[in-house]
């Protein structure tokens, strides 16, 4: 179980950290996605910070399990909000969202299974 916990947590942290970098450096893709979902561009850096915090929290969870659990739960909520944003504008392009969502749900599940 430990190997699954470490692997899934590192993959989830890598995915969310990668997305955070794109949001924080001002890459055009997150901006175009914000425009498509009718979210103000001023939110893009904030969303990037949330992703970065979640990624860091997952990794800190190796030392402080409660922080890892809370970070994983926060990321699940973040991507639930992303789904709502997609559906609100009628977007059915959910493959990218699904990859991230499944990854963070798996991180939460293995975290809960391993620690509690």
N, C-alpha and C. Protein backbone atom coordinates (compact mmCIF):
# COMPACT_ATOMS: atom_id res chain seq x y z
N UNK A 1 0.82 -1.19 0.00
CA UNK A 1 0.00 0.00 0.00
C UNK A 1 0.86 1.26 0.00
N UNK A 2 2.02 1.16 0.68
CA UNK A 2 2.90 2.33 0.73
C UNK A 2 3.37 2.74 -0.66
N UNK A 3 3.69 1.77 -1.50
CA UNK A 3 4.16 2.09 -2.86
C UNK A 3 3.07 2.80 -3.66
N UNK A 4 1.85 2.34 -3.54
CA UNK A 4 0.73 2.98 -4.25
C UNK A 4 0.52 4.39 -3.73
N UNK A 5 0.58 4.56 -2.43
CA UNK A 5 0.42 5.88 -1.82
C UNK A 5 1.47 6.85 -2.35
N UNK A 6 2.72 6.44 -2.33
CA UNK A 6 3.81 7.32 -2.78
C UNK A 6 3.68 7.62 -4.27
N UNK A 7 3.44 6.60 -5.07
CA UNK A 7 3.37 6.77 -6.52
C UNK A 7 2.22 7.69 -6.92
N UNK A 8 1.04 7.41 -6.43
CA UNK A 8 -0.13 8.21 -6.81
C UNK A 8 0.01 9.64 -6.31
N UNK A 9 0.54 9.82 -5.11
CA UNK A 9 0.71 11.16 -4.56
C UNK A 9 1.71 11.96 -5.39
N UNK A 10 2.81 11.34 -5.78
CA UNK A 10 3.82 12.04 -6.57
C UNK A 10 3.27 12.38 -7.96
N UNK A 11 2.53 11.47 -8.57
CA UNK A 11 1.94 11.75 -9.88
C UNK A 11 0.95 12.91 -9.78
N UNK A 12 0.09 12.89 -8.76
CA UNK A 12 -0.89 13.97 -8.58
C UNK A 12 -0.18 15.30 -8.32
N UNK A 13 0.86 15.28 -7.51
CA UNK A 13 1.61 16.50 -7.22
C UNK A 13 2.28 17.02 -8.49
N UNK A 14 2.83 16.13 -9.29
CA UNK A 14 3.47 16.55 -10.53
C UNK A 14 2.46 17.16 -11.50
N UNK A 15 1.32 16.50 -11.69
CA UNK A 15 0.30 17.03 -12.60
C UNK A 15 -0.17 18.41 -12.16
N UNK A 16 -0.51 18.55 -10.88
CA UNK A 16 -1.04 19.83 -10.42
C UNK A 16 0.04 20.91 -10.41
N UNK A 17 1.27 20.54 -10.10
CA UNK A 17 2.36 21.53 -10.14
C UNK A 17 2.62 21.99 -11.57
N UNK A 18 2.55 21.06 -12.52
CA UNK A 18 2.74 21.43 -13.92
C UNK A 18 1.67 22.41 -14.37
N UNK A 19 0.43 22.13 -14.01
CA UNK A 19 -0.66 23.05 -14.36
C UNK A 19 -0.45 24.40 -13.68
N UNK A 20 -0.01 24.38 -12.42
CA UNK A 20 0.21 25.63 -11.68
C UNK A 20 1.26 26.49 -12.37
N UNK A 21 2.31 25.87 -12.88
CA UNK A 21 3.36 26.62 -13.57
C UNK A 21 2.77 27.33 -14.78
N UNK A 22 1.97 26.62 -15.58
CA UNK A 22 1.36 27.23 -16.76
C UNK A 22 0.46 28.40 -16.37
N UNK A 23 -0.28 28.25 -15.31
CA UNK A 23 -1.15 29.34 -14.84
C UNK A 23 -0.33 30.53 -14.35
N UNK A 24 0.74 30.26 -13.64
CA UNK A 24 1.49 31.34 -13.00
C UNK A 24 2.45 32.06 -13.94
N UNK A 25 2.91 31.41 -15.01
CA UNK A 25 3.84 32.10 -15.92
C UNK A 25 3.10 32.92 -16.97
N UNK A 26 1.77 32.82 -16.96
CA UNK A 26 0.99 33.61 -17.91
C UNK A 26 0.88 32.97 -19.28
N UNK A 27 0.97 31.66 -19.34
CA UNK A 27 0.82 30.94 -20.61
C UNK A 27 -0.56 31.24 -21.20
N UNK A 28 -0.64 31.20 -22.50
CA UNK A 28 -1.89 31.56 -23.18
C UNK A 28 -3.01 30.53 -22.95
N UNK A 29 -2.67 29.24 -22.79
CA UNK A 29 -3.71 28.22 -22.66
C UNK A 29 -4.64 28.47 -21.46
N UNK A 30 -4.13 28.70 -20.25
CA UNK A 30 -5.06 28.97 -19.14
C UNK A 30 -5.90 30.22 -19.38
N UNK A 31 -5.32 31.21 -20.03
CA UNK A 31 -6.07 32.43 -20.32
C UNK A 31 -7.21 32.16 -21.29
N UNK A 32 -6.93 31.37 -22.33
CA UNK A 32 -7.98 31.05 -23.29
C UNK A 32 -9.07 30.19 -22.65
N UNK A 33 -8.67 29.31 -21.75
CA UNK A 33 -9.65 28.50 -21.04
C UNK A 33 -10.52 29.37 -20.13
N UNK A 34 -9.90 30.34 -19.48
CA UNK A 34 -10.67 31.26 -18.63
C UNK A 34 -11.67 32.05 -19.48
N UNK A 35 -11.22 32.50 -20.64
CA UNK A 35 -12.12 33.24 -21.54
C UNK A 35 -13.29 32.35 -21.97
N UNK A 36 -12.98 31.12 -22.34
CA UNK A 36 -14.02 30.19 -22.80
C UNK A 36 -15.05 29.91 -21.69
N UNK A 37 -14.57 29.84 -20.46
CA UNK A 37 -15.46 29.54 -19.34
C UNK A 37 -16.04 30.80 -18.71
N UNK A 38 -15.75 31.95 -19.33
CA UNK A 38 -16.23 33.25 -18.84
C UNK A 38 -15.80 33.51 -17.39
N UNK A 39 -14.55 33.20 -17.12
CA UNK A 39 -13.94 33.48 -15.82
C UNK A 39 -12.98 34.65 -16.03
N UNK A 40 -12.99 35.65 -15.16
CA UNK A 40 -12.08 36.79 -15.35
C UNK A 40 -10.62 36.33 -15.39
N UNK A 41 -9.85 36.92 -16.29
CA UNK A 41 -8.43 36.57 -16.39
C UNK A 41 -7.67 36.88 -15.11
N UNK A 42 -8.19 37.78 -14.33
CA UNK A 42 -7.52 38.12 -13.06
C UNK A 42 -7.55 36.93 -12.09
N UNK A 43 -8.40 35.96 -12.34
CA UNK A 43 -8.48 34.77 -11.49
C UNK A 43 -7.41 33.75 -11.84
N UNK A 44 -6.83 33.84 -13.04
CA UNK A 44 -5.87 32.82 -13.49
C UNK A 44 -4.70 32.67 -12.51
N UNK A 45 -4.04 33.75 -12.08
CA UNK A 45 -2.95 33.56 -11.12
C UNK A 45 -3.43 32.99 -9.78
N UNK A 46 -4.62 33.37 -9.36
CA UNK A 46 -5.17 32.84 -8.11
C UNK A 46 -5.40 31.34 -8.24
N UNK A 47 -5.95 30.92 -9.36
CA UNK A 47 -6.16 29.48 -9.59
C UNK A 47 -4.83 28.75 -9.63
N UNK A 48 -3.82 29.39 -10.23
CA UNK A 48 -2.48 28.81 -10.25
C UNK A 48 -1.91 28.65 -8.84
N UNK A 49 -2.13 29.64 -8.00
CA UNK A 49 -1.66 29.55 -6.62
C UNK A 49 -2.37 28.43 -5.86
N UNK A 50 -3.65 28.27 -6.13
CA UNK A 50 -4.39 27.17 -5.49
C UNK A 50 -3.84 25.81 -5.90
N UNK A 51 -3.55 25.68 -7.20
CA UNK A 51 -2.95 24.44 -7.69
C UNK A 51 -1.57 24.20 -7.07
N UNK A 52 -0.78 25.26 -6.99
CA UNK A 52 0.56 25.14 -6.40
C UNK A 52 0.48 24.76 -4.92
N UNK A 53 -0.45 25.38 -4.22
CA UNK A 53 -0.62 25.06 -2.80
C UNK A 53 -1.07 23.61 -2.62
N UNK A 54 -1.97 23.15 -3.47
CA UNK A 54 -2.41 21.77 -3.40
C UNK A 54 -1.28 20.80 -3.68
N UNK A 55 -0.47 21.12 -4.68
CA UNK A 55 0.66 20.27 -5.01
C UNK A 55 1.66 20.21 -3.86
N UNK A 56 1.98 21.37 -3.31
CA UNK A 56 2.91 21.41 -2.17
C UNK A 56 2.32 20.67 -0.97
N UNK A 57 1.03 20.84 -0.75
CA UNK A 57 0.38 20.15 0.36
C UNK A 57 0.44 18.64 0.22
N UNK A 58 0.29 18.14 -1.01
CA UNK A 58 0.41 16.70 -1.21
C UNK A 58 1.79 16.20 -0.80
N UNK A 59 2.81 16.95 -1.18
CA UNK A 59 4.18 16.54 -0.84
C UNK A 59 4.47 16.71 0.64
N UNK A 60 3.97 17.77 1.24
CA UNK A 60 4.14 17.97 2.69
C UNK A 60 3.44 16.85 3.45
N UNK A 61 2.41 16.28 2.83
CA UNK A 61 1.67 15.19 3.46
C UNK A 61 2.51 13.96 3.76
N UNK A 62 3.65 13.83 3.10
CA UNK A 62 4.55 12.71 3.45
C UNK A 62 5.09 12.88 4.87
N UNK A 63 5.26 14.12 5.31
CA UNK A 63 5.76 14.39 6.66
C UNK A 63 4.62 14.64 7.65
N UNK A 64 3.56 15.31 7.16
CA UNK A 64 2.41 15.64 8.02
C UNK A 64 1.15 15.13 7.30
N UNK A 65 0.73 13.90 7.60
CA UNK A 65 -0.36 13.28 6.84
C UNK A 65 -1.65 14.10 6.76
N UNK A 66 -2.00 14.81 7.80
CA UNK A 66 -3.24 15.59 7.77
C UNK A 66 -3.19 16.65 6.67
N UNK A 67 -2.05 17.28 6.48
CA UNK A 67 -1.92 18.31 5.44
C UNK A 67 -2.09 17.67 4.06
N UNK A 68 -1.53 16.50 3.87
CA UNK A 68 -1.70 15.80 2.59
C UNK A 68 -3.15 15.45 2.31
N UNK A 69 -3.84 15.00 3.34
CA UNK A 69 -5.25 14.67 3.18
C UNK A 69 -6.07 15.91 2.85
N UNK A 70 -5.82 16.99 3.56
CA UNK A 70 -6.55 18.24 3.30
C UNK A 70 -6.22 18.80 1.93
N UNK A 71 -4.97 18.67 1.50
CA UNK A 71 -4.58 19.15 0.17
C UNK A 71 -5.29 18.34 -0.91
N UNK A 72 -5.33 17.04 -0.75
CA UNK A 72 -6.01 16.19 -1.73
C UNK A 72 -7.50 16.51 -1.78
N UNK A 73 -8.11 16.70 -0.62
CA UNK A 73 -9.53 17.06 -0.59
C UNK A 73 -9.76 18.42 -1.23
N UNK A 74 -8.87 19.36 -0.98
CA UNK A 74 -8.98 20.68 -1.60
C UNK A 74 -8.86 20.60 -3.11
N UNK A 75 -7.97 19.76 -3.61
CA UNK A 75 -7.83 19.60 -5.06
C UNK A 75 -9.06 18.94 -5.67
N UNK A 76 -9.66 18.01 -4.95
CA UNK A 76 -10.91 17.42 -5.44
C UNK A 76 -11.97 18.50 -5.56
N UNK A 77 -12.07 19.37 -4.57
CA UNK A 77 -13.02 20.48 -4.64
C UNK A 77 -12.68 21.44 -5.78
N UNK A 78 -11.40 21.72 -5.97
CA UNK A 78 -10.96 22.60 -7.05
C UNK A 78 -11.43 22.05 -8.40
N UNK A 79 -11.19 20.77 -8.63
CA UNK A 79 -11.56 20.20 -9.93
C UNK A 79 -13.06 19.95 -10.05
N UNK A 80 -13.76 19.85 -8.94
CA UNK A 80 -15.23 19.83 -9.00
C UNK A 80 -15.72 21.19 -9.49
N UNK A 81 -15.10 22.25 -8.98
CA UNK A 81 -15.43 23.59 -9.46
C UNK A 81 -15.11 23.77 -10.93
N UNK A 82 -14.00 23.16 -11.37
CA UNK A 82 -13.64 23.23 -12.79
C UNK A 82 -14.70 22.54 -13.65
N UNK A 83 -15.22 21.41 -13.17
CA UNK A 83 -16.29 20.73 -13.91
C UNK A 83 -17.52 21.62 -14.01
N UNK A 84 -17.87 22.25 -12.92
CA UNK A 84 -19.03 23.15 -12.93
C UNK A 84 -18.81 24.28 -13.93
N UNK A 85 -17.59 24.83 -13.96
CA UNK A 85 -17.28 25.90 -14.92
C UNK A 85 -17.42 25.41 -16.36
N UNK A 86 -16.98 24.19 -16.62
CA UNK A 86 -17.12 23.61 -17.96
C UNK A 86 -18.60 23.46 -18.33
N UNK A 87 -19.35 22.86 -17.44
CA UNK A 87 -20.75 22.57 -17.74
C UNK A 87 -21.59 23.84 -17.83
N UNK A 88 -21.22 24.85 -17.07
CA UNK A 88 -21.96 26.11 -17.07
C UNK A 88 -21.98 26.76 -18.44
N UNK A 89 -20.88 26.59 -19.20
CA UNK A 89 -20.80 27.21 -20.54
C UNK A 89 -21.08 26.20 -21.65
N UNK A 90 -21.46 24.99 -21.28
CA UNK A 90 -21.80 23.98 -22.27
C UNK A 90 -20.61 23.27 -22.88
N UNK A 91 -19.44 23.38 -22.26
CA UNK A 91 -18.25 22.71 -22.78
C UNK A 91 -18.33 21.22 -22.48
N UNK A 92 -18.10 20.43 -23.49
CA UNK A 92 -18.09 18.97 -23.30
C UNK A 92 -16.70 18.39 -23.50
N UNK A 93 -15.70 19.26 -23.58
CA UNK A 93 -14.32 18.83 -23.72
C UNK A 93 -13.76 18.58 -22.32
N UNK A 94 -14.01 17.39 -21.81
CA UNK A 94 -13.71 17.09 -20.41
C UNK A 94 -12.59 16.08 -20.22
N UNK A 95 -11.87 15.74 -21.27
CA UNK A 95 -10.82 14.73 -21.14
C UNK A 95 -9.72 15.21 -20.20
N UNK A 96 -9.23 16.43 -20.42
CA UNK A 96 -8.19 16.97 -19.55
C UNK A 96 -8.66 17.06 -18.11
N UNK A 97 -9.88 17.55 -17.93
CA UNK A 97 -10.44 17.65 -16.59
C UNK A 97 -10.49 16.26 -15.94
N UNK A 98 -10.93 15.27 -16.69
CA UNK A 98 -11.07 13.92 -16.15
C UNK A 98 -9.73 13.34 -15.69
N UNK A 99 -8.69 13.60 -16.46
CA UNK A 99 -7.36 13.10 -16.07
C UNK A 99 -6.95 13.69 -14.72
N UNK A 100 -7.09 15.00 -14.60
CA UNK A 100 -6.73 15.65 -13.34
C UNK A 100 -7.64 15.18 -12.20
N UNK A 101 -8.94 15.11 -12.45
CA UNK A 101 -9.88 14.75 -11.40
C UNK A 101 -9.63 13.33 -10.90
N UNK A 102 -9.47 12.39 -11.81
CA UNK A 102 -9.22 11.00 -11.41
C UNK A 102 -7.92 10.90 -10.61
N UNK A 103 -6.93 11.67 -11.03
CA UNK A 103 -5.64 11.64 -10.34
C UNK A 103 -5.75 12.15 -8.91
N UNK A 104 -6.44 13.27 -8.71
CA UNK A 104 -6.53 13.81 -7.35
C UNK A 104 -7.49 13.00 -6.49
N UNK A 105 -8.52 12.42 -7.09
CA UNK A 105 -9.40 11.53 -6.32
C UNK A 105 -8.61 10.29 -5.87
N UNK A 106 -7.79 9.76 -6.77
CA UNK A 106 -6.94 8.62 -6.41
C UNK A 106 -5.97 9.00 -5.30
N UNK A 107 -5.42 10.21 -5.37
CA UNK A 107 -4.50 10.67 -4.31
C UNK A 107 -5.23 10.75 -2.97
N UNK A 108 -6.44 11.26 -2.99
CA UNK A 108 -7.22 11.32 -1.76
C UNK A 108 -7.53 9.92 -1.25
N UNK A 109 -7.91 9.03 -2.15
CA UNK A 109 -8.27 7.66 -1.74
C UNK A 109 -7.09 6.92 -1.14
N UNK A 110 -5.93 6.98 -1.78
CA UNK A 110 -4.78 6.25 -1.22
C UNK A 110 -4.29 6.92 0.06
N UNK A 111 -4.43 8.22 0.13
CA UNK A 111 -4.03 8.92 1.35
C UNK A 111 -4.91 8.47 2.51
N UNK A 112 -6.20 8.46 2.30
CA UNK A 112 -7.12 8.01 3.34
C UNK A 112 -6.90 6.53 3.68
N UNK A 113 -6.69 5.71 2.67
CA UNK A 113 -6.49 4.28 2.91
C UNK A 113 -5.20 4.00 3.67
N UNK A 114 -4.16 4.73 3.33
CA UNK A 114 -2.87 4.48 3.96
C UNK A 114 -2.80 5.02 5.39
N UNK A 115 -3.35 6.19 5.62
CA UNK A 115 -3.17 6.83 6.92
C UNK A 115 -4.32 6.59 7.91
N UNK A 116 -5.50 6.26 7.44
CA UNK A 116 -6.63 6.22 8.37
C UNK A 116 -7.37 4.94 8.31
